[in-house]
Amino acid sequence: MGPNQLRLTTTLEGPVGLDHLDTITLTVRDEAGRDHSARPHYNEAMRMELPSVIWGPARFSPGVDGIAAPGRKSVIRSLEPGNFVYRQMDNSEPPTWFQDAGDWVKGYWDTKLRLHAVCEVEGHRPWIVVTEVENPGMDISDGSDEMEIPEQYR
């Protein structure tokens, strides 16, 4: 994987008695506590781009595993305990009007990835799990507290 590519691992860890999931639909959520709706000073181009902006550290990689742009949603078919599914992710992309891509990455680098998962098993009503996970791009392999920022953003 390149410096802009991350990896999210999905596993099934419970509850006891749940032996599989038929489908998991993962959706990347925007950061909490901020309103990113259009502002009066936004021009038409900004308003049109706004729905495709993911306000957080990462997105699913468009074009990989059937992921459509902008990379907000990934569907996993069939998962059993003890197995795992990887999904390639990228750092989220700033909107075109954002001045400095490096500032965008730094602003989200140590924030958690917010996910909404709809879990489905035949014969049961779907249920939702909302979670936050560490940014899958954080690289703290040497035991230090420092994070490696991808080269293209330095």
N, C-alpha and C. Protein backbone atom coordinates (compact mmCIF):
# COMPACT_ATOMS: atom_id res chain seq x y z
N MET A 1 0.84 -1.18 0.00
CA MET A 1 0.00 0.00 0.00
C MET A 1 0.88 1.24 0.00
N GLY A 2 0.45 2.27 -0.71
CA GLY A 2 1.19 3.52 -0.80
C GLY A 2 1.01 4.37 0.45
N PRO A 3 1.68 5.53 0.48
CA PRO A 3 1.64 6.36 1.66
C PRO A 3 0.27 6.97 1.92
N ASN A 4 -0.59 7.04 0.92
CA ASN A 4 -1.92 7.60 1.09
C ASN A 4 -2.96 6.52 1.35
N GLN A 5 -2.56 5.25 1.34
CA GLN A 5 -3.49 4.15 1.51
C GLN A 5 -3.46 3.62 2.93
N LEU A 6 -4.65 3.34 3.44
CA LEU A 6 -4.84 2.85 4.80
C LEU A 6 -5.60 1.53 4.71
N ARG A 7 -5.74 0.84 5.83
CA ARG A 7 -6.48 -0.42 5.82
C ARG A 7 -7.36 -0.51 7.05
N LEU A 8 -8.63 -0.78 6.80
CA LEU A 8 -9.60 -0.99 7.88
C LEU A 8 -9.89 -2.49 7.94
N THR A 9 -9.79 -3.07 9.14
CA THR A 9 -10.08 -4.49 9.33
C THR A 9 -11.41 -4.63 10.06
N THR A 10 -12.32 -5.40 9.50
CA THR A 10 -13.63 -5.64 10.11
C THR A 10 -13.70 -7.10 10.55
N THR A 11 -14.09 -7.31 11.80
CA THR A 11 -14.25 -8.65 12.36
C THR A 11 -15.61 -8.77 13.03
N LEU A 12 -16.04 -9.99 13.27
CA LEU A 12 -17.27 -10.26 14.02
C LEU A 12 -16.86 -10.86 15.36
N GLU A 13 -17.12 -10.13 16.42
CA GLU A 13 -16.67 -10.55 17.75
C GLU A 13 -17.81 -10.79 18.73
N GLY A 14 -19.03 -10.86 18.28
CA GLY A 14 -20.12 -11.14 19.20
C GLY A 14 -21.41 -10.53 18.69
N PRO A 15 -22.46 -10.76 19.42
CA PRO A 15 -22.55 -11.43 20.72
C PRO A 15 -22.48 -12.96 20.58
N VAL A 16 -22.33 -13.62 21.71
CA VAL A 16 -22.30 -15.08 21.71
C VAL A 16 -23.59 -15.59 21.07
N GLY A 17 -23.49 -16.56 20.21
CA GLY A 17 -24.64 -17.12 19.52
C GLY A 17 -24.83 -16.58 18.12
N LEU A 18 -24.21 -15.45 17.81
CA LEU A 18 -24.28 -14.91 16.46
C LEU A 18 -23.17 -15.57 15.65
N ASP A 19 -23.55 -16.45 14.73
CA ASP A 19 -22.53 -17.23 14.02
C ASP A 19 -22.15 -16.66 12.66
N HIS A 20 -22.83 -15.60 12.21
CA HIS A 20 -22.45 -14.96 10.96
C HIS A 20 -23.27 -13.69 10.75
N LEU A 21 -22.79 -12.87 9.85
CA LEU A 21 -23.57 -11.73 9.34
C LEU A 21 -23.68 -11.92 7.83
N ASP A 22 -24.87 -11.72 7.30
CA ASP A 22 -25.05 -11.82 5.86
C ASP A 22 -24.47 -10.61 5.15
N THR A 23 -24.75 -9.43 5.69
CA THR A 23 -24.30 -8.19 5.08
C THR A 23 -23.98 -7.16 6.16
N ILE A 24 -22.91 -6.41 5.93
CA ILE A 24 -22.58 -5.26 6.77
C ILE A 24 -22.39 -4.09 5.81
N THR A 25 -23.15 -3.04 6.00
CA THR A 25 -23.00 -1.84 5.19
C THR A 25 -22.33 -0.79 6.07
N LEU A 26 -21.08 -0.50 5.75
CA LEU A 26 -20.29 0.48 6.51
C LEU A 26 -20.37 1.83 5.83
N THR A 27 -20.65 2.86 6.60
CA THR A 27 -20.70 4.22 6.09
C THR A 27 -19.80 5.10 6.93
N VAL A 28 -18.92 5.85 6.27
CA VAL A 28 -18.05 6.80 6.96
C VAL A 28 -18.90 8.02 7.32
N ARG A 29 -18.87 8.38 8.59
CA ARG A 29 -19.62 9.54 9.06
C ARG A 29 -18.70 10.75 9.15
N ASP A 30 -19.29 11.93 9.03
CA ASP A 30 -18.52 13.16 9.19
C ASP A 30 -18.17 13.36 10.66
N GLU A 31 -17.21 14.25 10.90
CA GLU A 31 -16.80 14.56 12.26
C GLU A 31 -18.00 15.01 13.09
N ALA A 32 -17.92 14.77 14.37
CA ALA A 32 -19.00 15.14 15.29
C ALA A 32 -18.86 16.60 15.72
N GLY A 33 -20.00 17.20 16.00
CA GLY A 33 -19.99 18.52 16.61
C GLY A 33 -19.76 19.68 15.67
N ARG A 34 -19.74 19.45 14.37
CA ARG A 34 -19.53 20.54 13.40
C ARG A 34 -20.62 20.48 12.35
N ASP A 35 -21.12 21.64 12.00
CA ASP A 35 -22.13 21.76 10.95
C ASP A 35 -21.41 22.11 9.66
N HIS A 36 -21.48 21.23 8.68
CA HIS A 36 -20.81 21.47 7.40
C HIS A 36 -21.80 21.73 6.28
N SER A 37 -22.98 22.22 6.64
CA SER A 37 -23.93 22.57 5.59
C SER A 37 -23.49 23.87 4.93
N ALA A 38 -24.09 24.16 3.80
CA ALA A 38 -23.70 25.34 3.02
C ALA A 38 -23.84 26.62 3.83
N ARG A 39 -22.90 27.50 3.65
CA ARG A 39 -22.89 28.81 4.29
C ARG A 39 -23.33 29.87 3.27
N PRO A 40 -23.82 31.01 3.75
CA PRO A 40 -24.27 32.05 2.82
C PRO A 40 -23.19 32.48 1.83
N HIS A 41 -21.91 32.44 2.23
CA HIS A 41 -20.84 32.88 1.33
C HIS A 41 -20.40 31.81 0.33
N TYR A 42 -20.95 30.60 0.40
CA TYR A 42 -20.59 29.55 -0.55
C TYR A 42 -21.18 29.87 -1.92
N ASN A 43 -20.37 29.70 -2.95
CA ASN A 43 -20.89 29.88 -4.30
C ASN A 43 -21.53 28.56 -4.76
N GLU A 44 -22.09 28.56 -5.95
CA GLU A 44 -22.81 27.38 -6.46
C GLU A 44 -21.88 26.16 -6.57
N ALA A 45 -20.65 26.35 -7.03
CA ALA A 45 -19.71 25.23 -7.15
C ALA A 45 -19.42 24.61 -5.78
N MET A 46 -19.25 25.44 -4.76
CA MET A 46 -19.00 24.93 -3.41
C MET A 46 -20.21 24.14 -2.91
N ARG A 47 -21.39 24.66 -3.15
CA ARG A 47 -22.62 23.96 -2.71
C ARG A 47 -22.77 22.61 -3.42
N MET A 48 -22.38 22.54 -4.68
CA MET A 48 -22.48 21.29 -5.43
C MET A 48 -21.46 20.25 -4.93
N GLU A 49 -20.29 20.70 -4.52
CA GLU A 49 -19.23 19.80 -4.06
C GLU A 49 -19.48 19.30 -2.64
N LEU A 50 -20.17 20.07 -1.85
CA LEU A 50 -20.35 19.79 -0.42
C LEU A 50 -20.80 18.36 -0.09
N PRO A 51 -21.79 17.78 -0.78
CA PRO A 51 -22.22 16.42 -0.43
C PRO A 51 -21.13 15.35 -0.62
N SER A 52 -20.13 15.62 -1.44
CA SER A 52 -19.09 14.62 -1.68
C SER A 52 -17.90 14.74 -0.74
N VAL A 53 -17.89 15.76 0.12
CA VAL A 53 -16.77 15.95 1.04
C VAL A 53 -16.98 15.08 2.28
N ILE A 54 -15.95 14.32 2.64
CA ILE A 54 -15.98 13.51 3.86
C ILE A 54 -15.15 14.27 4.89
N TRP A 55 -15.83 14.78 5.91
CA TRP A 55 -15.20 15.60 6.94
C TRP A 55 -14.68 14.69 8.04
N GLY A 56 -13.55 14.08 7.80
CA GLY A 56 -12.94 13.15 8.73
C GLY A 56 -11.63 12.67 8.17
N PRO A 57 -10.96 11.72 8.86
CA PRO A 57 -9.61 11.34 8.46
C PRO A 57 -9.51 10.44 7.24
N ALA A 58 -10.56 9.68 6.91
CA ALA A 58 -10.39 8.67 5.86
C ALA A 58 -11.69 8.41 5.12
N ARG A 59 -11.53 7.81 3.94
CA ARG A 59 -12.64 7.37 3.11
C ARG A 59 -12.27 6.02 2.53
N PHE A 60 -13.27 5.23 2.13
CA PHE A 60 -12.99 4.00 1.41
C PHE A 60 -12.44 4.38 0.05
N SER A 61 -11.49 3.61 -0.44
CA SER A 61 -10.83 3.94 -1.72
C SER A 61 -11.78 3.73 -2.89
N PRO A 62 -12.20 4.81 -3.56
CA PRO A 62 -13.09 4.65 -4.72
C PRO A 62 -12.43 3.77 -5.79
N GLY A 63 -13.24 2.89 -6.37
CA GLY A 63 -12.75 2.00 -7.42
C GLY A 63 -12.18 0.69 -6.91
N VAL A 64 -12.01 0.54 -5.60
CA VAL A 64 -11.49 -0.69 -5.01
C VAL A 64 -12.64 -1.41 -4.31
N ASP A 65 -12.77 -2.71 -4.52
CA ASP A 65 -13.85 -3.51 -3.91
C ASP A 65 -15.23 -2.95 -4.23
N GLY A 66 -15.39 -2.37 -5.42
CA GLY A 66 -16.69 -1.86 -5.83
C GLY A 66 -17.11 -0.57 -5.15
N ILE A 67 -16.19 0.13 -4.54
CA ILE A 67 -16.51 1.38 -3.83
C ILE A 67 -16.72 2.50 -4.85
N ALA A 68 -17.85 3.19 -4.72
CA ALA A 68 -18.15 4.34 -5.58
C ALA A 68 -17.66 5.62 -4.92
N ALA A 69 -17.31 6.60 -5.76
CA ALA A 69 -16.93 7.92 -5.25
C ALA A 69 -18.13 8.53 -4.54
N PRO A 70 -17.93 9.22 -3.45
CA PRO A 70 -16.67 9.74 -2.91
C PRO A 70 -15.97 8.80 -1.94
N GLY A 71 -16.46 7.58 -1.74
CA GLY A 71 -15.81 6.64 -0.83
C GLY A 71 -16.43 6.61 0.55
N ARG A 72 -17.69 6.95 0.63
CA ARG A 72 -18.35 7.00 1.93
C ARG A 72 -18.89 5.63 2.36
N LYS A 73 -19.19 4.72 1.41
CA LYS A 73 -19.89 3.49 1.77
C LYS A 73 -19.20 2.25 1.22
N SER A 74 -19.17 1.18 2.04
CA SER A 74 -18.64 -0.12 1.64
C SER A 74 -19.57 -1.21 2.13
N VAL A 75 -19.84 -2.18 1.27
CA VAL A 75 -20.71 -3.30 1.65
C VAL A 75 -19.85 -4.56 1.75
N ILE A 76 -20.00 -5.25 2.88
CA ILE A 76 -19.29 -6.52 3.10
C ILE A 76 -20.34 -7.62 3.05
N ARG A 77 -20.08 -8.62 2.25
CA ARG A 77 -21.00 -9.75 2.12
C ARG A 77 -20.44 -10.93 2.89
N SER A 78 -21.16 -11.34 3.91
CA SER A 78 -20.85 -12.54 4.69
C SER A 78 -19.58 -12.39 5.54
N LEU A 79 -19.78 -12.52 6.84
CA LEU A 79 -18.67 -12.48 7.78
C LEU A 79 -18.98 -13.42 8.94
N GLU A 80 -18.01 -14.26 9.28
CA GLU A 80 -18.16 -15.21 10.38
C GLU A 80 -17.13 -14.92 11.45
N PRO A 81 -17.41 -15.32 12.71
CA PRO A 81 -16.40 -15.13 13.77
C PRO A 81 -15.09 -15.82 13.38
N GLY A 82 -13.99 -15.20 13.71
CA GLY A 82 -12.68 -15.74 13.39
C GLY A 82 -12.17 -15.30 12.04
N ASN A 83 -13.05 -14.79 11.18
CA ASN A 83 -12.64 -14.27 9.88
C ASN A 83 -12.56 -12.75 9.95
N PHE A 84 -11.97 -12.15 8.95
CA PHE A 84 -11.88 -10.70 8.89
C PHE A 84 -11.94 -10.28 7.44
N VAL A 85 -12.33 -9.03 7.23
CA VAL A 85 -12.40 -8.44 5.90
C VAL A 85 -11.63 -7.13 5.94
N TYR A 86 -10.74 -6.96 4.98
CA TYR A 86 -10.00 -5.71 4.86
C TYR A 86 -10.71 -4.82 3.86
N ARG A 87 -10.68 -3.54 4.13
CA ARG A 87 -11.13 -2.54 3.17
C ARG A 87 -10.04 -1.49 3.05
N GLN A 88 -9.63 -1.25 1.82
CA GLN A 88 -8.63 -0.22 1.57
C GLN A 88 -9.27 1.14 1.75
N MET A 89 -8.54 2.03 2.41
CA MET A 89 -9.01 3.39 2.62
C MET A 89 -7.90 4.36 2.21
N ASP A 90 -8.28 5.59 1.97
CA ASP A 90 -7.35 6.67 1.68
C ASP A 90 -7.60 7.78 2.68
N ASN A 91 -6.63 8.69 2.82
CA ASN A 91 -6.91 9.91 3.56
C ASN A 91 -8.06 10.62 2.85
N SER A 92 -8.94 11.23 3.61
CA SER A 92 -10.02 11.97 2.97
C SER A 92 -9.44 13.13 2.16
N GLU A 93 -10.17 13.56 1.17
CA GLU A 93 -9.71 14.63 0.28
C GLU A 93 -10.37 15.94 0.68
N PRO A 94 -9.59 17.02 0.74
CA PRO A 94 -10.19 18.31 1.05
C PRO A 94 -11.04 18.80 -0.11
N PRO A 95 -12.02 19.65 0.17
CA PRO A 95 -12.77 20.24 -0.93
C PRO A 95 -11.85 21.11 -1.78
N THR A 96 -12.22 21.36 -3.02
CA THR A 96 -11.34 22.09 -3.93
C THR A 96 -11.04 23.50 -3.45
N TRP A 97 -11.93 24.08 -2.66
CA TRP A 97 -11.70 25.44 -2.19
C TRP A 97 -10.79 25.50 -0.96
N PHE A 98 -10.42 24.35 -0.41
CA PHE A 98 -9.55 24.32 0.77
C PHE A 98 -8.15 24.72 0.35
N GLN A 99 -7.53 25.63 1.07
CA GLN A 99 -6.27 26.24 0.66
C GLN A 99 -5.06 25.29 0.72
N ASP A 100 -4.93 24.49 1.78
CA ASP A 100 -3.71 23.72 2.00
C ASP A 100 -4.05 22.28 2.37
N ALA A 101 -3.77 21.33 1.44
CA ALA A 101 -4.07 19.91 1.69
C ALA A 101 -3.33 19.40 2.92
N GLY A 102 -2.14 19.90 3.18
CA GLY A 102 -1.39 19.49 4.37
C GLY A 102 -2.12 19.86 5.65
N ASP A 103 -2.71 21.04 5.67
CA ASP A 103 -3.49 21.46 6.84
C ASP A 103 -4.72 20.59 7.01
N TRP A 104 -5.32 20.15 5.91
CA TRP A 104 -6.48 19.27 5.96
C TRP A 104 -6.10 17.96 6.67
N VAL A 105 -5.03 17.33 6.23
CA VAL A 105 -4.60 16.06 6.82
C VAL A 105 -4.22 16.25 8.28
N LYS A 106 -3.43 17.28 8.57
CA LYS A 106 -3.03 17.54 9.96
C LYS A 106 -4.24 17.77 10.85
N GLY A 107 -5.25 18.42 10.32
CA GLY A 107 -6.46 18.70 11.09
C GLY A 107 -7.23 17.46 11.47
N TYR A 108 -7.12 16.41 10.66
CA TYR A 108 -7.86 15.18 10.94
C TYR A 108 -6.97 14.01 11.35
N TRP A 109 -5.67 14.18 11.31
CA TRP A 109 -4.77 13.03 11.45
C TRP A 109 -4.98 12.26 12.74
N ASP A 110 -5.16 12.93 13.86
CA ASP A 110 -5.29 12.20 15.12
C ASP A 110 -6.75 12.06 15.57
N THR A 111 -7.70 12.34 14.67
CA THR A 111 -9.11 12.15 15.01
C THR A 111 -9.52 10.72 14.69
N LYS A 112 -10.56 10.28 15.34
CA LYS A 112 -11.04 8.93 15.11
C LYS A 112 -11.93 8.87 13.87
N LEU A 113 -11.89 7.73 13.21
CA LEU A 113 -12.74 7.45 12.07
C LEU A 113 -14.11 7.08 12.62
N ARG A 114 -15.14 7.80 12.21
CA ARG A 114 -16.50 7.54 12.68
C ARG A 114 -17.22 6.67 11.66
N LEU A 115 -17.77 5.55 12.12
CA LEU A 115 -18.44 4.60 11.23
C LEU A 115 -19.86 4.30 11.70
N HIS A 116 -20.73 4.06 10.75
CA HIS A 116 -22.11 3.64 10.97
C HIS A 116 -22.23 2.30 10.24
N ALA A 117 -22.57 1.23 10.94
CA ALA A 117 -22.67 -0.09 10.33
C ALA A 117 -24.10 -0.62 10.46
N VAL A 118 -24.67 -1.01 9.34
CA VAL A 118 -25.97 -1.68 9.34
C VAL A 118 -25.69 -3.17 9.16
N CYS A 119 -26.04 -3.96 10.17
CA CYS A 119 -25.77 -5.40 10.17
C CYS A 119 -27.06 -6.15 9.84
N GLU A 120 -26.92 -7.14 8.95
CA GLU A 120 -28.11 -7.89 8.52
C GLU A 120 -27.85 -9.38 8.56
N VAL A 121 -28.86 -10.10 9.09
CA VAL A 121 -28.88 -11.56 9.11
C VAL A 121 -30.29 -11.98 8.71
N GLU A 122 -30.39 -12.89 7.76
CA GLU A 122 -31.71 -13.34 7.31
C GLU A 122 -32.55 -13.81 8.49
N GLY A 123 -33.81 -13.40 8.51
CA GLY A 123 -34.72 -13.79 9.57
C GLY A 123 -34.72 -12.83 10.76
N HIS A 124 -33.90 -11.80 10.73
CA HIS A 124 -33.84 -10.81 11.83
C HIS A 124 -33.93 -9.41 11.25
N ARG A 125 -34.42 -8.50 12.06
CA ARG A 125 -34.42 -7.09 11.64
C ARG A 125 -32.99 -6.58 11.64
N PRO A 126 -32.64 -5.75 10.67
CA PRO A 126 -31.29 -5.16 10.67
C PRO A 126 -31.08 -4.34 11.94
N TRP A 127 -29.84 -4.27 12.39
CA TRP A 127 -29.51 -3.42 13.53
C TRP A 127 -28.30 -2.57 13.18
N ILE A 128 -28.16 -1.50 13.94
CA ILE A 128 -27.13 -0.50 13.65
C ILE A 128 -26.11 -0.46 14.77
N VAL A 129 -24.86 -0.40 14.37
CA VAL A 129 -23.75 -0.20 15.30
C VAL A 129 -23.05 1.09 14.87
N VAL A 130 -22.92 2.03 15.78
CA VAL A 130 -22.21 3.27 15.52
C VAL A 130 -20.95 3.24 16.37
N THR A 131 -19.81 3.50 15.74
CA THR A 131 -18.55 3.38 16.48
C THR A 131 -17.53 4.40 15.97
N GLU A 132 -16.51 4.58 16.76
CA GLU A 132 -15.35 5.37 16.37
C GLU A 132 -14.13 4.50 16.56
N VAL A 133 -13.25 4.49 15.57
CA VAL A 133 -12.03 3.68 15.65
C VAL A 133 -10.83 4.59 15.40
N GLU A 134 -9.69 4.16 15.88
CA GLU A 134 -8.47 4.92 15.62
C GLU A 134 -8.29 5.08 14.13
N ASN A 135 -7.75 6.20 13.73
CA ASN A 135 -7.46 6.45 12.31
C ASN A 135 -6.62 5.29 11.79
N PRO A 136 -7.11 4.56 10.76
CA PRO A 136 -6.36 3.40 10.27
C PRO A 136 -5.02 3.78 9.66
N GLY A 137 -4.74 5.06 9.50
CA GLY A 137 -3.46 5.50 8.95
C GLY A 137 -2.43 5.82 10.00
N MET A 138 -2.81 5.78 11.26
CA MET A 138 -1.84 6.11 12.30
C MET A 138 -0.76 5.03 12.35
N ASP A 139 0.48 5.43 12.35
CA ASP A 139 1.60 4.48 12.34
C ASP A 139 2.43 4.73 13.59
N ILE A 140 2.20 3.87 14.59
CA ILE A 140 2.94 4.02 15.84
C ILE A 140 3.67 2.70 16.11
N SER A 141 4.34 2.19 15.08
CA SER A 141 4.93 0.86 15.14
C SER A 141 6.15 0.77 16.04
N ASP A 142 6.82 1.89 16.33
CA ASP A 142 8.03 1.83 17.14
C ASP A 142 7.75 2.05 18.62
N GLY A 143 6.48 2.13 19.00
CA GLY A 143 6.13 2.31 20.40
C GLY A 143 6.13 3.76 20.84
N SER A 144 6.50 4.66 19.96
CA SER A 144 6.50 6.08 20.32
C SER A 144 5.10 6.66 20.17
N ASP A 145 4.94 7.89 20.57
CA ASP A 145 3.66 8.57 20.42
C ASP A 145 3.60 9.38 19.13
N GLU A 146 4.60 9.28 18.29
CA GLU A 146 4.62 10.06 17.07
C GLU A 146 3.88 9.32 15.96
N MET A 147 3.21 10.08 15.12
CA MET A 147 2.51 9.52 13.98
C MET A 147 3.25 9.88 12.71
N GLU A 148 3.25 8.99 11.77
CA GLU A 148 3.92 9.24 10.48
C GLU A 148 2.90 9.91 9.55
N ILE A 149 3.17 11.13 9.12
CA ILE A 149 2.32 11.83 8.19
C ILE A 149 2.77 11.47 6.78
N PRO A 150 1.84 11.08 5.91
CA PRO A 150 2.22 10.68 4.56
C PRO A 150 3.08 11.75 3.88
N GLU A 151 4.06 11.29 3.10
CA GLU A 151 5.04 12.17 2.50
C GLU A 151 4.43 13.27 1.64
N GLN A 152 3.35 12.94 0.90
CA GLN A 152 2.79 13.94 0.01
C GLN A 152 2.17 15.11 0.76
N TYR A 153 2.00 14.98 2.09
CA TYR A 153 1.41 16.07 2.86
C TYR A 153 2.42 16.80 3.72
N ARG A 154 3.71 16.44 3.62
CA ARG A 154 4.73 17.11 4.43
C ARG A 154 5.17 18.40 3.79
